[in-house]
Amino acid sequence: MFSKSLKTTLAASVLATSGAAPAVADNLGAALVGSIIGGVIVNEAHKNRARKQPVTRKRTYSPARAQNRETQTALNYFGFPAGSPDGVMGRKSRAAVAQYQGYMGFPATGQLTQYERDFLVSSYSRAQIGGPQVIKAMQGPNGVRGLLPVWRDEATGTRSASAGGYGSYGGLPFEVSEAVDEIAASADPSAEQLLQRSGFMQLADLNGDGKNDYMIDTSVSGSSFWCGASHCSVMVFASTPQGYQRNDFMARGVTTANFSCHQGVCRMSDEPTTGTVQATAPTPVPTPAPAPGGTVLASAPQATAPAPATGGLAGIQLFQQPVPAANTASLTSHCSKVSLLTSSNGGYMTVSNLRDPELALGEQFCLTRSYAINSGEALVAKVQGVSQAQVDSQCDAFGPVVQPYLAKLGSTGSDALVSDLQKFVLQSNMSIEQLSNTAGICLFSGYRRDNMEVALGAALIMVGVGQRPYAELIGHHLAQGFGVAKSPEQAQGWYQTAIAALEAGADPVFAPGQPERVGLIKAASAGLTGGLAQPVPASSTAAALPSFSTD
């Protein structure tokens, strides 16, 4: 009853708002159906929206995957295909690792050790910098992967024939090493065997720039490829600021005395010259002006700065003026002779075959000279706003500044003189870093120009700032008589200073990859006449020093 009444009331209200009952019924049915369908559509839309709403996942950085991507990128660069650098070391990446390990002579496990990975990634970073070495490697048969064994040997200081024909033998320049590999490729002896043959390689400063130049005589290789009916190929490599320039000749029975070079261009004379080097007279250098834009060159005492040393390199002055021979002797010429003897003896002396202590120390002296030149040259490259002539002029100020200490080398013990040098350092009003950088640069300047006063003075400053391994250089100067009167007795103390520092854990500054040098220097110096003179008290007076900054 109630239901019927409700239905009647609802129908009456609907009829009151519309003109025709059938139309109202139709509209009401349509409205109800539309409401139901609309509700279904809306509900479904909400469901779909809920289903299709993307799930945002917070990504976290993974150091392991980042390292793996670096490893994969480096492997791909050096020609070991690791696939896409996705950070996942899968089967393809492990196979690439095994190829890299096999190429380098490591155990091919497919799993990198920390050293193997660090070397791979750092080599990739180094290769991205580019340079002549990388460009030449790209043009070779093995591509850039040929750089890996070269840089490995360079880092360890070992002497080995590197894989891929891009070795660096015994510290030879890249251009010379490349020629050695080229000759070995068409001859029975290996590159290492060729370097051991007497006369295959000769060294001399042919262009007078203070650096060793190289001559290779292919007649001793035994290869008909390099020799004709009466002459063989001779290669002369002259140093230039851009590297070593190769000059090819056809000759037989020649030595470095048959060649002379101007910068990188060499010529051959029919008759040997009277010396391996003909030095040009130094040109006086004007006082340098302050460099614009923030000078890095400190003022030096202009009134006391001497002109560049005029000692010749030809060697004749040694006989004409025997009294001041310590100041005129050419270390460059001496090292050329030592190099020839070393080559004819089959390599450097070691503790096991030490037969001539003086020659063994001479070999190490020339080796340390080369290291000092190379490291100093790198420092000069960082100095802004000055020319090489200005650097040399400033370094000449070392002469009068350290002259009091140079004069005491022959009479004062090493300990007493080191104490005086430390007092001088404290009164110099320069930081230890400034003094160290300046002395390193002036070592290069002195040895490059054969100016022993500058070189020896810079070595003394190095010891004075606490770098005791440089005392080896002073021992060599005293033992060999360059820049100071020859005194094997006084040399002993300086050798012992350097040896004690190295044995106590000091970082080696010369040939760091050859720890056996310490034993050799100890044994060879012991072969000299011992006995130190009693120290003489000395006072120090601080004076102005040149200063170079590499910042």
Protein backbone atom coordinates (compact mmCIF):
# COMPACT_ATOMS: atom_id res chain seq x y z
CA MET A 1 0.00 0.00 0.00
CA PHE A 2 2.76 2.28 0.94
CA SER A 3 4.60 1.23 -2.17
CA LYS A 4 1.70 2.05 -4.42
CA SER A 5 1.27 5.45 -2.80
CA LEU A 6 4.97 6.26 -3.31
CA LYS A 7 4.81 5.24 -6.91
CA THR A 8 1.65 7.34 -7.45
CA THR A 9 3.22 10.39 -5.85
CA LEU A 10 6.37 10.04 -7.92
CA ALA A 11 4.38 9.64 -11.13
CA ALA A 12 2.23 12.64 -10.30
CA SER A 13 5.21 14.86 -9.72
CA VAL A 14 6.75 13.80 -12.96
CA LEU A 15 3.54 14.35 -14.85
CA ALA A 16 3.24 17.79 -13.35
CA THR A 17 6.51 18.86 -14.99
CA SER A 18 5.87 17.42 -18.44
CA GLY A 19 3.15 17.63 -20.98
CA ALA A 20 2.87 13.98 -22.18
CA ALA A 21 3.14 10.87 -20.11
CA PRO A 22 4.68 8.68 -22.79
CA ALA A 23 7.39 11.26 -23.38
CA VAL A 24 8.07 11.51 -19.68
CA ALA A 25 8.39 7.76 -19.39
CA ASP A 26 10.80 7.64 -22.24
CA ASN A 27 12.86 10.52 -20.84
CA LEU A 28 12.91 9.04 -17.37
CA GLY A 29 14.04 5.68 -18.69
CA ALA A 30 16.74 7.35 -20.74
CA ALA A 31 17.88 9.39 -17.77
CA LEU A 32 18.11 6.36 -15.55
CA VAL A 33 19.94 4.35 -18.18
CA GLY A 34 22.26 7.29 -18.83
CA SER A 35 22.99 7.62 -15.14
CA ILE A 36 23.90 3.99 -14.84
CA ILE A 37 26.09 4.02 -17.97
CA GLY A 38 27.72 7.28 -16.94
CA GLY A 39 28.48 5.88 -13.53
CA VAL A 40 30.01 2.80 -15.06
CA ILE A 41 32.17 4.90 -17.44
CA VAL A 42 33.34 7.18 -14.63
CA ASN A 43 34.15 4.22 -12.42
CA GLU A 44 36.05 2.50 -15.22
CA ALA A 45 37.93 5.71 -15.98
CA HIS A 46 38.98 5.97 -12.36
CA LYS A 47 40.10 2.35 -12.40
CA ASN A 48 42.07 2.83 -15.62
CA ARG A 49 43.65 6.00 -14.27
CA ALA A 50 44.69 4.14 -11.18
CA ARG A 51 46.07 1.30 -13.27
CA LYS A 52 47.92 3.53 -15.78
CA GLN A 53 49.43 5.94 -13.25
CA PRO A 54 53.20 5.41 -13.55
CA VAL A 55 55.10 4.14 -10.57
CA THR A 56 57.94 6.52 -9.76
CA ARG A 57 60.95 4.69 -8.45
CA LYS A 58 63.74 6.65 -6.83
CA ARG A 59 67.03 5.83 -8.50
CA THR A 60 70.13 5.71 -6.33
CA TYR A 61 73.73 6.32 -7.48
CA SER A 62 75.87 3.18 -7.59
CA PRO A 63 79.63 3.78 -7.28
CA ALA A 64 80.30 0.21 -8.39
CA ARG A 65 78.36 0.65 -11.64
CA ALA A 66 80.02 4.00 -12.28
CA GLN A 67 83.43 2.37 -11.91
CA ASN A 68 82.37 -0.46 -14.18
CA ARG A 69 81.29 2.04 -16.85
CA GLU A 70 84.73 3.69 -16.63
CA THR A 71 86.37 0.29 -17.01
CA GLN A 72 84.21 -0.65 -20.01
CA THR A 73 84.87 2.70 -21.70
CA ALA A 74 88.63 2.30 -21.26
CA LEU A 75 88.54 -1.29 -22.54
CA ASN A 76 86.63 -0.24 -25.66
CA TYR A 77 89.04 2.65 -26.30
CA PHE A 78 92.11 0.42 -26.27
CA GLY A 79 90.51 -2.12 -28.59
CA PHE A 80 89.24 -4.70 -26.11
CA PRO A 81 85.50 -4.87 -26.98
CA ALA A 82 83.44 -4.77 -23.80
CA GLY A 83 80.15 -3.76 -25.40
CA SER A 84 77.95 -0.91 -24.30
CA PRO A 85 79.30 0.75 -21.12
CA ASP A 86 76.23 -0.01 -19.01
CA GLY A 87 78.06 -0.66 -15.77
CA VAL A 88 77.29 -4.38 -15.75
CA MET A 89 80.38 -6.57 -16.09
CA GLY A 90 78.80 -9.39 -18.00
CA ARG A 91 80.30 -12.15 -20.09
CA LYS A 92 81.42 -9.82 -22.90
CA SER A 93 83.07 -7.41 -20.48
CA ARG A 94 84.87 -10.23 -18.67
CA ALA A 95 86.15 -11.53 -22.01
CA ALA A 96 87.47 -8.04 -22.81
CA VAL A 97 89.19 -7.92 -19.41
CA ALA A 98 90.86 -11.27 -20.12
CA GLN A 99 92.09 -9.94 -23.50
CA TYR A 100 93.54 -6.86 -21.82
CA GLN A 101 95.22 -8.96 -19.14
CA GLY A 102 96.71 -11.32 -21.70
CA TYR A 103 98.02 -8.43 -23.79
CA MET A 104 99.72 -6.88 -20.76
CA GLY A 105 101.13 -10.16 -19.50
CA PHE A 106 98.83 -10.31 -16.48
CA PRO A 107 97.02 -13.54 -15.47
CA ALA A 108 93.98 -13.72 -17.79
CA THR A 109 91.37 -14.29 -15.06
CA GLY A 110 88.66 -11.99 -16.43
CA GLN A 111 88.60 -10.24 -13.04
CA LEU A 112 90.65 -7.05 -12.68
CA THR A 113 92.89 -6.48 -9.71
CA GLN A 114 92.93 -2.96 -8.28
CA TYR A 115 96.29 -2.21 -9.92
CA GLU A 116 95.17 -3.53 -13.31
CA ARG A 117 92.02 -1.43 -13.23
CA ASP A 118 93.75 1.73 -11.99
CA PHE A 119 96.41 1.45 -14.69
CA LEU A 120 93.79 0.86 -17.41
CA VAL A 121 91.59 3.81 -16.41
CA SER A 122 94.49 6.20 -15.79
CA SER A 123 96.00 5.27 -19.18
CA TYR A 124 92.67 6.06 -20.84
CA SER A 125 92.61 9.46 -19.13
CA ARG A 126 96.19 10.11 -20.19
CA ALA A 127 95.44 9.16 -23.78
CA GLN A 128 92.55 11.66 -23.89
CA ILE A 129 95.06 14.46 -23.42
CA GLY A 130 96.62 13.48 -26.75
CA GLY A 131 100.05 14.55 -27.91
CA PRO A 132 102.64 13.27 -30.41
CA GLN A 133 103.03 9.94 -28.66
CA VAL A 134 99.32 9.17 -28.90
CA ILE A 135 99.11 10.33 -32.51
CA LYS A 136 102.03 8.15 -33.57
CA ALA A 137 100.59 5.17 -31.75
CA MET A 138 97.30 5.60 -33.61
CA GLN A 139 99.19 5.30 -36.87
CA GLY A 140 100.92 2.08 -35.83
CA PRO A 141 99.80 -1.50 -36.40
CA ASN A 142 98.42 -1.96 -32.88
CA GLY A 143 96.80 1.44 -32.52
CA VAL A 144 96.53 3.12 -29.15
CA ARG A 145 96.75 -0.16 -27.26
CA GLY A 146 100.47 -0.11 -28.10
CA LEU A 147 100.79 2.71 -25.54
CA LEU A 148 99.81 0.47 -22.64
CA PRO A 149 103.07 -1.50 -22.33
CA VAL A 150 105.08 1.68 -22.94
CA TRP A 151 103.40 3.49 -20.06
CA ARG A 152 103.63 0.41 -17.86
CA ASP A 153 107.41 0.23 -18.38
CA GLU A 154 107.67 3.97 -17.89
CA ALA A 155 105.84 3.76 -14.56
CA THR A 156 107.93 0.87 -13.25
CA GLY A 157 111.24 2.15 -14.59
CA THR A 158 111.99 -1.19 -16.21
CA ARG A 159 113.91 -1.74 -19.41
CA SER A 160 112.02 -4.08 -21.67
CA ALA A 161 110.91 -4.48 -25.24
CA SER A 162 107.31 -3.38 -25.09
CA ALA A 163 104.57 -5.13 -27.00
CA GLY A 164 103.26 -3.67 -30.18
CA GLY A 165 106.49 -2.18 -31.42
CA TYR A 166 106.22 0.94 -29.34
CA GLY A 167 108.84 0.34 -26.69
CA SER A 168 110.84 2.86 -24.73
CA TYR A 169 114.20 1.29 -24.10
CA GLY A 170 116.36 2.43 -21.22
CA GLY A 171 114.74 5.86 -21.15
CA LEU A 172 115.38 6.53 -24.84
CA PRO A 173 113.19 9.15 -26.54
CA PHE A 174 110.12 7.79 -28.26
CA GLU A 175 111.41 8.63 -31.75
CA VAL A 176 114.65 6.74 -31.13
CA SER A 177 112.85 3.76 -29.61
CA GLU A 178 110.54 3.64 -32.62
CA ALA A 179 113.56 3.47 -34.96
CA VAL A 180 115.07 0.66 -32.89
CA ASP A 181 111.83 -1.30 -33.29
CA GLU A 182 111.82 -0.55 -37.03
CA ILE A 183 115.34 -1.94 -37.44
CA ALA A 184 114.61 -4.97 -35.28
CA ALA A 185 111.57 -5.79 -37.42
CA SER A 186 113.83 -6.50 -40.42
CA ALA A 187 116.78 -8.03 -38.57
CA ASP A 188 117.33 -11.25 -36.65
CA PRO A 189 118.45 -9.65 -33.37
CA SER A 190 115.74 -8.33 -31.09
CA ALA A 191 115.60 -4.68 -30.13
CA GLU A 192 117.17 -5.45 -26.76
CA GLN A 193 120.00 -7.38 -28.43
CA LEU A 194 120.67 -4.56 -30.87
CA LEU A 195 121.00 -2.08 -28.03
CA GLN A 196 123.62 -4.32 -26.45
CA ARG A 197 125.79 -4.36 -29.59
CA SER A 198 128.83 -2.14 -29.54
CA GLY A 199 128.59 0.76 -31.97
CA PHE A 200 124.87 0.37 -32.69
CA MET A 201 124.00 3.54 -30.81
CA GLN A 202 126.21 6.51 -29.99
CA LEU A 203 125.35 9.62 -27.99
CA ALA A 204 126.66 13.17 -28.21
CA ASP A 205 125.37 16.72 -28.00
CA LEU A 206 125.51 17.51 -31.71
CA ASN A 207 123.55 20.78 -31.72
CA GLY A 208 124.93 22.29 -28.51
CA ASP A 209 121.61 22.53 -26.64
CA GLY A 210 122.78 20.52 -23.64
CA LYS A 211 120.77 17.40 -24.47
CA ASN A 212 121.97 14.09 -25.78
CA ASP A 213 121.51 13.47 -29.50
CA TYR A 214 121.56 9.93 -30.89
CA MET A 215 123.24 8.19 -33.83
CA ILE A 216 122.18 4.68 -34.90
CA ASP A 217 124.50 2.69 -37.17
CA THR A 218 122.56 -0.12 -38.83
CA SER A 219 125.73 -1.78 -40.16
CA VAL A 220 126.05 -3.71 -36.88
CA SER A 221 122.51 -5.10 -37.19
CA GLY A 222 123.61 -7.74 -39.73
CA SER A 223 120.58 -6.99 -41.89
CA SER A 224 121.01 -6.60 -45.64
CA PHE A 225 117.78 -4.61 -45.67
CA TRP A 226 119.58 -1.57 -44.26
CA CYS A 227 122.88 -1.94 -46.13
CA GLY A 228 123.85 -1.57 -49.77
CA ALA A 229 126.99 -2.65 -51.52
CA SER A 230 129.24 -0.17 -49.74
CA HIS A 231 127.12 1.87 -47.34
CA CYS A 232 124.55 1.32 -44.63
CA SER A 233 121.78 3.49 -43.30
CA VAL A 234 122.77 5.80 -40.45
CA MET A 235 120.09 7.63 -38.47
CA VAL A 236 120.87 10.77 -36.50
CA PHE A 237 118.28 12.12 -34.05
CA ALA A 238 118.71 15.75 -33.00
CA SER A 239 116.78 17.23 -30.09
CA THR A 240 114.30 20.05 -30.67
CA PRO A 241 111.66 21.63 -28.42
CA GLN A 242 109.05 19.50 -30.23
CA GLY A 243 110.93 16.22 -29.79
CA TYR A 244 113.70 14.48 -31.71
CA GLN A 245 114.05 15.01 -35.47
CA ARG A 246 115.36 12.12 -37.54
CA ASN A 247 118.02 12.60 -40.25
CA ASP A 248 118.90 9.66 -42.56
CA PHE A 249 122.31 9.17 -44.18
CA MET A 250 124.10 6.42 -46.13
CA ALA A 251 127.60 5.87 -44.74
CA ARG A 252 129.94 3.32 -43.22
CA GLY A 253 132.40 3.48 -40.34
CA VAL A 254 131.18 6.83 -39.00
CA THR A 255 130.89 8.14 -35.45
CA THR A 256 129.14 11.12 -33.92
CA ALA A 257 132.27 13.15 -34.73
CA ASN A 258 131.29 12.97 -38.41
CA PHE A 259 128.05 14.87 -37.80
CA SER A 260 127.06 18.35 -36.74
CA CYS A 261 123.55 19.66 -36.25
CA HIS A 262 121.80 23.00 -36.12
CA GLN A 263 118.66 22.52 -34.07
CA GLY A 264 117.00 19.48 -35.71
CA VAL A 265 118.85 19.55 -39.05
CA CYS A 266 122.12 17.59 -39.28
CA ARG A 267 124.86 17.30 -41.89
CA MET A 268 127.69 14.84 -42.35
CA SER A 269 131.31 15.77 -43.02
CA ASP A 270 133.79 13.52 -44.76
CA GLU A 271 136.40 13.93 -42.01
CA PRO A 272 135.71 13.72 -38.28
CA THR A 273 135.70 17.02 -36.46
CA THR A 274 138.04 17.67 -33.55
CA GLY A 275 135.26 17.18 -31.03
CA THR A 276 131.74 15.87 -30.81
CA VAL A 277 130.44 19.31 -29.94
CA GLN A 278 131.34 22.74 -31.21
CA ALA A 279 129.80 25.26 -28.85
CA THR A 280 128.77 28.72 -29.97
CA ALA A 281 129.85 31.67 -27.88
CA PRO A 282 127.12 32.65 -25.43
CA THR A 283 125.37 35.94 -26.04
CA PRO A 284 125.08 38.20 -22.97
CA VAL A 285 121.50 38.29 -21.78
CA PRO A 286 119.97 41.68 -20.97
CA THR A 287 118.33 42.24 -17.62
CA PRO A 288 114.79 40.89 -17.91
CA ALA A 289 111.89 43.26 -17.49
CA PRO A 290 109.06 42.36 -15.11
CA ALA A 291 106.56 40.07 -16.77
CA PRO A 292 103.15 41.71 -17.34
CA GLY A 293 100.03 40.49 -15.67
CA GLY A 294 101.47 39.21 -12.42
CA THR A 295 105.13 38.37 -12.68
CA VAL A 296 106.41 35.05 -11.48
CA LEU A 297 110.04 36.15 -11.68
CA ALA A 298 111.47 37.73 -8.55
CA SER A 299 113.99 40.50 -8.68
CA ALA A 300 117.61 39.40 -8.52
CA PRO A 301 120.70 41.44 -7.58
CA GLN A 302 121.41 43.02 -10.95
CA ALA A 303 124.79 44.44 -9.97
CA THR A 304 126.17 41.07 -9.00
CA ALA A 305 124.58 38.93 -11.70
CA PRO A 306 127.45 37.56 -13.79
CA ALA A 307 127.44 37.07 -17.51
CA PRO A 308 126.77 33.53 -18.73
CA ALA A 309 129.69 31.17 -18.38
CA THR A 310 132.09 31.25 -21.32
CA GLY A 311 133.63 27.84 -20.79
CA GLY A 312 133.75 26.02 -24.11
CA LEU A 313 132.46 22.50 -24.73
CA ALA A 314 135.02 21.48 -27.32
CA GLY A 315 137.49 20.34 -24.69
CA ILE A 316 140.58 22.20 -25.97
CA GLN A 317 140.52 24.68 -23.09
CA LEU A 318 141.05 21.81 -20.67
CA PHE A 319 144.57 21.37 -22.01
CA GLN A 320 145.37 25.07 -22.45
CA GLN A 321 144.21 26.02 -18.94
CA PRO A 322 144.86 23.08 -16.63
CA VAL A 323 144.71 25.10 -13.41
CA PRO A 324 140.99 26.09 -13.52
CA ALA A 325 140.02 22.81 -15.16
CA ALA A 326 137.27 22.19 -12.60
CA ASN A 327 135.37 25.21 -13.93
CA THR A 328 135.95 24.65 -17.65
CA ALA A 329 135.46 20.88 -17.92
CA SER A 330 132.39 20.01 -19.97
CA LEU A 331 130.05 17.60 -18.23
CA THR A 332 128.09 17.24 -21.47
CA SER A 333 131.17 16.01 -23.31
CA HIS A 334 132.10 13.79 -20.38
CA CYS A 335 128.66 12.16 -20.36
CA SER A 336 128.91 11.51 -24.10
CA LYS A 337 132.14 9.60 -23.52
CA VAL A 338 130.66 7.73 -20.56
CA SER A 339 127.69 6.77 -22.71
CA LEU A 340 129.95 5.31 -25.37
CA LEU A 341 131.83 3.29 -22.77
CA THR A 342 128.55 2.10 -21.27
CA SER A 343 127.33 1.01 -24.69
CA SER A 344 130.57 -0.81 -25.48
CA ASN A 345 130.46 -2.56 -22.09
CA GLY A 346 126.98 -3.86 -22.75
CA GLY A 347 125.07 -1.63 -20.35
CA TYR A 348 125.29 0.03 -16.97
CA MET A 349 127.46 -1.48 -14.27
CA THR A 350 125.65 -3.21 -11.42
CA VAL A 351 126.74 -4.38 -8.00
CA SER A 352 127.32 -7.87 -9.38
CA ASN A 353 129.72 -6.73 -12.14
CA LEU A 354 131.25 -3.67 -10.44
CA ARG A 355 134.85 -3.53 -11.69
CA ASP A 356 135.49 0.22 -11.97
CA PRO A 357 133.91 2.27 -9.15
CA GLU A 358 134.78 5.61 -10.76
CA LEU A 359 133.18 4.68 -14.08
CA ALA A 360 130.13 3.25 -12.28
CA LEU A 361 129.68 6.53 -10.41
CA GLY A 362 130.23 8.42 -13.67
CA GLU A 363 127.38 6.47 -15.24
CA GLN A 364 125.12 7.31 -12.32
CA PHE A 365 126.23 10.97 -12.43
CA CYS A 366 125.18 11.27 -16.06
CA LEU A 367 121.93 9.47 -15.29
CA THR A 368 121.10 11.89 -12.48
CA ARG A 369 122.01 14.81 -14.75
CA SER A 370 119.47 13.59 -17.32
CA TYR A 371 116.79 13.26 -14.64
CA ALA A 372 117.53 16.75 -13.34
CA ILE A 373 117.28 18.19 -16.86
CA ASN A 374 113.99 16.43 -17.58
CA SER A 375 112.31 17.37 -14.28
CA GLY A 376 113.58 20.95 -14.47
CA GLU A 377 112.35 21.31 -18.03
CA ALA A 378 108.88 20.28 -16.86
CA LEU A 379 109.01 22.99 -14.17
CA VAL A 380 110.10 25.64 -16.70
CA ALA A 381 107.09 24.77 -18.85
CA LYS A 382 104.85 25.85 -15.96
CA VAL A 383 106.53 29.22 -15.47
CA GLN A 384 104.49 31.97 -17.09
CA GLY A 385 105.69 35.19 -18.64
CA VAL A 386 109.42 34.48 -18.94
CA SER A 387 111.67 33.27 -21.74
CA GLN A 388 114.43 30.70 -21.48
CA ALA A 389 117.00 33.50 -21.72
CA GLN A 390 115.42 35.24 -18.73
CA VAL A 391 115.41 32.01 -16.76
CA ASP A 392 119.10 31.49 -17.50
CA SER A 393 119.91 35.08 -16.54
CA GLN A 394 118.11 34.75 -13.21
CA CYS A 395 119.72 31.39 -12.47
CA ASP A 396 123.14 32.94 -12.99
CA ALA A 397 122.46 34.78 -9.72
CA PHE A 398 123.00 31.46 -7.95
CA GLY A 399 126.72 31.88 -8.54
CA PRO A 400 127.51 34.81 -6.24
CA VAL A 401 124.78 33.86 -3.75
CA VAL A 402 126.05 30.34 -3.02
CA GLN A 403 129.73 31.02 -3.70
CA PRO A 404 130.65 30.95 0.02
CA TYR A 405 129.26 27.42 0.28
CA LEU A 406 130.82 26.27 -2.99
CA ALA A 407 134.18 27.44 -1.70
CA LYS A 408 133.85 25.26 1.41
CA LEU A 409 133.03 22.03 -0.42
CA GLY A 410 136.66 20.99 -0.52
CA SER A 411 137.36 21.66 3.17
CA THR A 412 134.13 21.36 5.11
CA GLY A 413 132.35 18.14 5.98
CA SER A 414 128.91 17.49 4.57
CA ASP A 415 127.11 17.65 7.93
CA ALA A 416 128.59 21.04 8.83
CA LEU A 417 127.89 22.46 5.39
CA VAL A 418 124.30 21.18 5.42
CA SER A 419 123.82 22.94 8.74
CA ASP A 420 125.09 26.18 7.22
CA LEU A 421 122.78 25.73 4.23
CA GLN A 422 119.79 25.27 6.52
CA LYS A 423 120.62 28.55 8.27
CA PHE A 424 120.86 30.21 4.87
CA VAL A 425 117.42 28.84 3.91
CA LEU A 426 115.87 30.19 7.11
CA GLN A 427 117.29 33.68 6.41
CA SER A 428 116.37 33.77 2.71
CA ASN A 429 112.83 35.15 3.22
CA MET A 430 111.55 32.60 0.71
CA SER A 431 109.28 29.64 1.29
CA ILE A 432 110.60 26.09 1.05
CA GLU A 433 108.40 25.51 -2.01
CA GLN A 434 109.77 28.62 -3.75
CA LEU A 435 113.34 27.60 -3.06
CA SER A 436 112.71 24.02 -4.17
CA ASN A 437 111.03 25.05 -7.46
CA THR A 438 113.71 27.62 -8.20
CA ALA A 439 116.55 25.20 -7.46
CA GLY A 440 114.92 22.53 -9.66
CA ILE A 441 114.65 24.99 -12.54
CA CYS A 442 118.22 26.20 -12.10
CA LEU A 443 119.52 22.62 -12.03
CA PHE A 444 118.05 22.29 -15.51
CA SER A 445 119.47 25.65 -16.59
CA GLY A 446 122.95 24.88 -15.25
CA TYR A 447 123.25 21.38 -16.70
CA ARG A 448 121.71 22.43 -20.02
CA ARG A 449 124.34 25.16 -20.46
CA ASP A 450 127.19 23.21 -18.82
CA ASN A 451 127.36 25.91 -16.13
CA MET A 452 128.61 23.89 -13.18
CA GLU A 453 128.50 26.80 -10.74
CA VAL A 454 124.76 27.21 -11.27
CA ALA A 455 124.04 23.48 -11.25
CA LEU A 456 126.12 22.73 -8.17
CA GLY A 457 124.70 25.75 -6.33
CA ALA A 458 121.15 24.62 -7.11
CA ALA A 459 121.96 21.11 -5.84
CA LEU A 460 123.23 22.62 -2.56
CA ILE A 461 119.99 24.56 -2.15
CA MET A 462 118.00 21.36 -2.73
CA VAL A 463 119.87 19.68 0.12
CA GLY A 464 119.46 22.77 2.27
CA VAL A 465 115.65 22.70 1.96
CA GLY A 466 115.64 19.12 3.19
CA GLN A 467 115.72 17.06 0.00
CA ARG A 468 118.68 14.96 1.08
CA PRO A 469 118.70 12.53 -1.92
CA TYR A 470 120.10 15.45 -3.95
CA ALA A 471 123.30 15.11 -1.92
CA GLU A 472 124.18 12.36 -4.41
CA LEU A 473 124.69 15.05 -7.06
CA ILE A 474 127.17 16.91 -4.86
CA GLY A 475 129.03 13.66 -4.22
CA HIS A 476 129.27 13.10 -7.97
CA HIS A 477 130.61 16.62 -8.56
CA LEU A 478 133.30 16.10 -5.93
CA ALA A 479 134.17 12.58 -7.07
CA GLN A 480 134.42 13.57 -10.75
CA GLY A 481 135.75 17.13 -10.36
CA PHE A 482 133.05 19.17 -12.12
CA GLY A 483 132.50 22.68 -10.77
CA VAL A 484 134.75 21.93 -7.81
CA ALA A 485 138.20 20.49 -7.24
CA LYS A 486 138.17 16.71 -7.44
CA SER A 487 138.05 15.19 -3.97
CA PRO A 488 136.88 11.58 -3.60
CA GLU A 489 137.40 11.92 0.15
CA GLN A 490 134.94 14.79 0.49
CA ALA A 491 132.51 13.03 -1.86
CA GLN A 492 132.10 10.21 0.65
CA GLY A 493 130.16 12.33 3.14
CA TRP A 494 127.67 13.53 0.54
CA TYR A 495 127.14 10.04 -0.83
CA GLN A 496 126.49 8.83 2.71
CA THR A 497 124.00 11.64 3.29
CA ALA A 498 121.99 10.61 0.24
CA ILE A 499 122.22 6.88 1.00
CA ALA A 500 121.11 7.36 4.61
CA ALA A 501 118.08 9.38 3.50
CA LEU A 502 117.05 6.80 0.89
CA GLU A 503 117.51 3.89 3.29
CA ALA A 504 115.40 5.76 5.84
CA GLY A 505 112.51 5.87 3.35
CA ALA A 506 112.98 9.18 1.52
CA ASP A 507 111.44 9.27 -1.94
CA PRO A 508 114.12 8.73 -4.62
CA VAL A 509 114.43 11.61 -7.06
CA PHE A 510 116.68 9.87 -9.59
CA ALA A 511 115.63 6.65 -11.37
CA PRO A 512 112.91 5.88 -8.79
CA GLY A 513 112.15 2.56 -10.48
CA GLN A 514 115.65 1.22 -9.79
CA PRO A 515 115.97 0.61 -6.03
CA GLU A 516 119.21 -1.31 -6.61
CA ARG A 517 120.96 2.02 -7.30
CA VAL A 518 121.36 2.59 -3.56
CA GLY A 519 123.46 -0.56 -3.18
CA LEU A 520 125.48 0.31 -6.29
CA ILE A 521 126.30 3.83 -5.10
CA LYS A 522 127.19 2.50 -1.66
CA ALA A 523 129.53 -0.13 -3.11
CA ALA A 524 131.08 2.17 -5.73
CA SER A 525 131.65 5.07 -3.33
CA ALA A 526 133.26 2.66 -0.87
CA GLY A 527 135.75 1.85 -3.63
CA LEU A 528 136.98 5.44 -3.60
CA THR A 529 139.59 6.69 -1.12
CA GLY A 530 137.75 7.49 2.13
CA GLY A 531 138.42 9.95 4.95
CA LEU A 532 136.51 13.13 5.63
CA ALA A 533 138.22 16.41 6.51
CA GLN A 534 137.43 18.01 9.86
CA PRO A 535 134.57 20.49 9.60
CA VAL A 536 135.43 24.19 9.78
CA PRO A 537 132.95 26.55 11.48
CA ALA A 538 131.25 28.83 8.98
CA SER A 539 128.76 31.64 9.14
CA SER A 540 125.94 32.20 6.70
CA THR A 541 124.68 35.41 5.25
CA ALA A 542 121.30 35.49 3.58
CA ALA A 543 121.34 36.94 0.10
CA ALA A 544 118.77 37.50 -2.58
CA LEU A 545 117.91 34.46 -4.67
CA PRO A 546 115.97 34.21 -7.90
CA SER A 547 112.47 32.87 -7.41
CA PHE A 548 110.21 31.00 -9.79
CA SER A 549 106.61 30.07 -9.13
CA THR A 550 104.80 27.31 -11.03
CA ASP A 551 101.35 28.30 -9.75
